[in-house]
Amino acid sequence: MKNEHECTLEIKNYACSTIIGLYEHEQKKEQNLTISLTTSYLIDEHILNDDINLVVDYDKLTTYINTFSKNHSHKLLESFAFSLHKELLNRFSLH
């Protein structure tokens, strides 16, 4: 049986921009967003190896958030948040 521990990941006030809005004028120009997230994932004793490949890489995570926001447009902020949440769960094994 593995000895697993839960690790909490927190990113506060990460700035990105995206096309978001219901109105035509909103859909023509990127708007600035500030994203904060808290999530967790399981780690085990292998983390003691100090290997970045065994944990969530914050740089890759924030780069993905930025790429996602540049490549996806939504009418609703809630739709953007839900879509981003789903992608982060799938790509980074978060829960």
C-alpha atoms as a PDB file:
ATOM      1  CA  MET A   1       0.000   0.000   0.000  1.00  0.00           C
ATOM      2  CA  LYS A   2       1.340   3.394  -0.990  1.00  0.00           C
ATOM      3  CA  ASN A   3       1.717   6.108   1.572  1.00  0.00           C
ATOM      4  CA  GLU A   4      -0.106   8.961  -0.180  1.00  0.00           C
ATOM      5  CA  HIS A   5      -0.592  12.496   1.007  1.00  0.00           C
ATOM      6  CA  GLU A   6      -2.766  15.253  -0.328  1.00  0.00           C
ATOM      7  CA  CYS A   7      -0.997  18.336  -1.609  1.00  0.00           C
ATOM      8  CA  THR A   8      -2.852  21.645  -1.892  1.00  0.00           C
ATOM      9  CA  LEU A   9      -2.075  23.885  -4.835  1.00  0.00           C
ATOM     10  CA  GLU A  10      -3.079  27.526  -4.665  1.00  0.00           C
ATOM     11  CA  ILE A  11      -2.698  30.208  -7.292  1.00  0.00           C
ATOM     12  CA  LYS A  12      -3.932  33.688  -6.454  1.00  0.00           C
ATOM     13  CA  ASN A  13      -4.675  36.609  -8.746  1.00  0.00           C
ATOM     14  CA  TYR A  14      -3.242  35.125 -11.953  1.00  0.00           C
ATOM     15  CA  ALA A  15      -3.838  37.640 -14.747  1.00  0.00           C
ATOM     16  CA  CYS A  16      -4.898  36.552 -18.225  1.00  0.00           C
ATOM     17  CA  SER A  17      -7.169  37.837 -20.966  1.00  0.00           C
ATOM     18  CA  THR A  18      -9.874  36.318 -23.131  1.00  0.00           C
ATOM     19  CA  ILE A  19     -12.792  37.142 -25.376  1.00  0.00           C
ATOM     20  CA  ILE A  20     -15.856  36.964 -23.160  1.00  0.00           C
ATOM     21  CA  GLY A  21     -19.277  38.563 -23.247  1.00  0.00           C
ATOM     22  CA  LEU A  22     -22.813  38.445 -24.580  1.00  0.00           C
ATOM     23  CA  TYR A  23     -22.715  41.632 -26.588  1.00  0.00           C
ATOM     24  CA  GLU A  24     -21.056  42.108 -29.961  1.00  0.00           C
ATOM     25  CA  HIS A  25     -18.745  44.864 -28.713  1.00  0.00           C
ATOM     26  CA  GLU A  26     -17.556  42.558 -25.897  1.00  0.00           C
ATOM     27  CA  GLN A  27     -16.730  39.793 -28.377  1.00  0.00           C
ATOM     28  CA  LYS A  28     -14.349  41.991 -30.372  1.00  0.00           C
ATOM     29  CA  LYS A  29     -11.800  42.854 -27.696  1.00  0.00           C
ATOM     30  CA  GLU A  30     -10.044  40.736 -25.093  1.00  0.00           C
ATOM     31  CA  GLN A  31     -10.965  41.458 -21.508  1.00  0.00           C
ATOM     32  CA  ASN A  32      -8.643  41.048 -18.558  1.00  0.00           C
ATOM     33  CA  LEU A  33      -9.455  38.366 -16.013  1.00  0.00           C
ATOM     34  CA  THR A  34      -7.928  37.581 -12.653  1.00  0.00           C
ATOM     35  CA  ILE A  35      -8.043  33.915 -11.751  1.00  0.00           C
ATOM     36  CA  SER A  36      -7.542  32.388  -8.327  1.00  0.00           C
ATOM     37  CA  LEU A  37      -7.757  28.664  -7.758  1.00  0.00           C
ATOM     38  CA  THR A  38      -7.258  26.190  -4.982  1.00  0.00           C
ATOM     39  CA  THR A  39      -7.145  22.481  -5.666  1.00  0.00           C
ATOM     40  CA  SER A  40      -5.429  19.379  -4.456  1.00  0.00           C
ATOM     41  CA  TYR A  41      -3.761  16.259  -5.749  1.00  0.00           C
ATOM     42  CA  LEU A  42      -2.250  13.144  -4.266  1.00  0.00           C
ATOM     43  CA  ILE A  43       1.479  12.688  -3.861  1.00  0.00           C
ATOM     44  CA  ASP A  44       3.369   9.734  -2.451  1.00  0.00           C
ATOM     45  CA  GLU A  45       6.794   9.107  -0.974  1.00  0.00           C
ATOM     46  CA  HIS A  46       8.436   9.434  -4.401  1.00  0.00           C
ATOM     47  CA  ILE A  47       8.156  13.208  -3.970  1.00  0.00           C
ATOM     48  CA  LEU A  48      11.204  12.935  -1.742  1.00  0.00           C
ATOM     49  CA  ASN A  49      13.201  12.453  -4.956  1.00  0.00           C
ATOM     50  CA  ASP A  50      12.728  16.174  -5.612  1.00  0.00           C
ATOM     51  CA  ASP A  51      11.533  15.433  -9.163  1.00  0.00           C
ATOM     52  CA  ILE A  52       9.369  18.079 -10.866  1.00  0.00           C
ATOM     53  CA  ASN A  53       7.793  15.343 -12.984  1.00  0.00           C
ATOM     54  CA  LEU A  54       6.120  13.913  -9.877  1.00  0.00           C
ATOM     55  CA  VAL A  55       4.204  17.062  -8.938  1.00  0.00           C
ATOM     56  CA  VAL A  56       2.063  19.652 -10.678  1.00  0.00           C
ATOM     57  CA  ASP A  57       4.376  22.100 -12.433  1.00  0.00           C
ATOM     58  CA  TYR A  58       3.024  25.586 -11.588  1.00  0.00           C
ATOM     59  CA  ASP A  59       4.676  27.077 -14.661  1.00  0.00           C
ATOM     60  CA  LYS A  60       3.005  24.545 -16.979  1.00  0.00           C
ATOM     61  CA  LEU A  61      -0.300  25.062 -15.198  1.00  0.00           C
ATOM     62  CA  THR A  62      -0.279  28.857 -15.526  1.00  0.00           C
ATOM     63  CA  THR A  63       1.009  28.640 -19.109  1.00  0.00           C
ATOM     64  CA  TYR A  64      -1.910  26.357 -19.906  1.00  0.00           C
ATOM     65  CA  ILE A  65      -4.371  28.774 -18.265  1.00  0.00           C
ATOM     66  CA  ASN A  66      -2.990  31.568 -20.424  1.00  0.00           C
ATOM     67  CA  THR A  67      -3.116  29.453 -23.615  1.00  0.00           C
ATOM     68  CA  PHE A  68      -6.650  28.288 -22.843  1.00  0.00           C
ATOM     69  CA  SER A  69      -7.854  31.846 -22.259  1.00  0.00           C
ATOM     70  CA  LYS A  70      -6.302  33.047 -25.541  1.00  0.00           C
ATOM     71  CA  ASN A  71      -7.777  30.172 -27.587  1.00  0.00           C
ATOM     72  CA  HIS A  72     -11.311  29.941 -26.195  1.00  0.00           C
ATOM     73  CA  SER A  73     -14.080  32.488 -26.192  1.00  0.00           C
ATOM     74  CA  HIS A  74     -17.262  32.305 -24.145  1.00  0.00           C
ATOM     75  CA  LYS A  75     -20.365  34.382 -23.725  1.00  0.00           C
ATOM     76  CA  LEU A  76     -20.593  33.721 -19.999  1.00  0.00           C
ATOM     77  CA  LEU A  77     -17.899  33.970 -17.353  1.00  0.00           C
ATOM     78  CA  GLU A  78     -19.402  30.874 -15.737  1.00  0.00           C
ATOM     79  CA  SER A  79     -18.959  28.898 -18.990  1.00  0.00           C
ATOM     80  CA  PHE A  80     -15.330  29.979 -19.189  1.00  0.00           C
ATOM     81  CA  ALA A  81     -14.712  28.956 -15.569  1.00  0.00           C
ATOM     82  CA  PHE A  82     -16.412  25.573 -16.022  1.00  0.00           C
ATOM     83  CA  SER A  83     -14.534  24.792 -19.257  1.00  0.00           C
ATOM     84  CA  LEU A  84     -11.193  25.795 -17.757  1.00  0.00           C
ATOM     85  CA  HIS A  85     -11.921  23.749 -14.628  1.00  0.00           C
ATOM     86  CA  LYS A  86     -12.684  20.651 -16.716  1.00  0.00           C
ATOM     87  CA  GLU A  87      -9.489  21.062 -18.757  1.00  0.00           C
ATOM     88  CA  LEU A  88      -7.293  21.544 -15.686  1.00  0.00           C
ATOM     89  CA  LEU A  89      -8.747  18.439 -14.047  1.00  0.00           C
ATOM     90  CA  ASN A  90      -8.043  16.361 -17.145  1.00  0.00           C
ATOM     91  CA  ARG A  91      -4.605  17.699 -17.993  1.00  0.00           C
ATOM     92  CA  PHE A  92      -3.089  17.970 -14.523  1.00  0.00           C
ATOM     93  CA  SER A  93      -4.788  15.170 -12.549  1.00  0.00           C
ATOM     94  CA  LEU A  94      -6.261  17.604 -10.058  1.00  0.00           C
ATOM     95  CA  HIS A  95      -9.327  16.985  -7.917  1.00  0.00           C
END
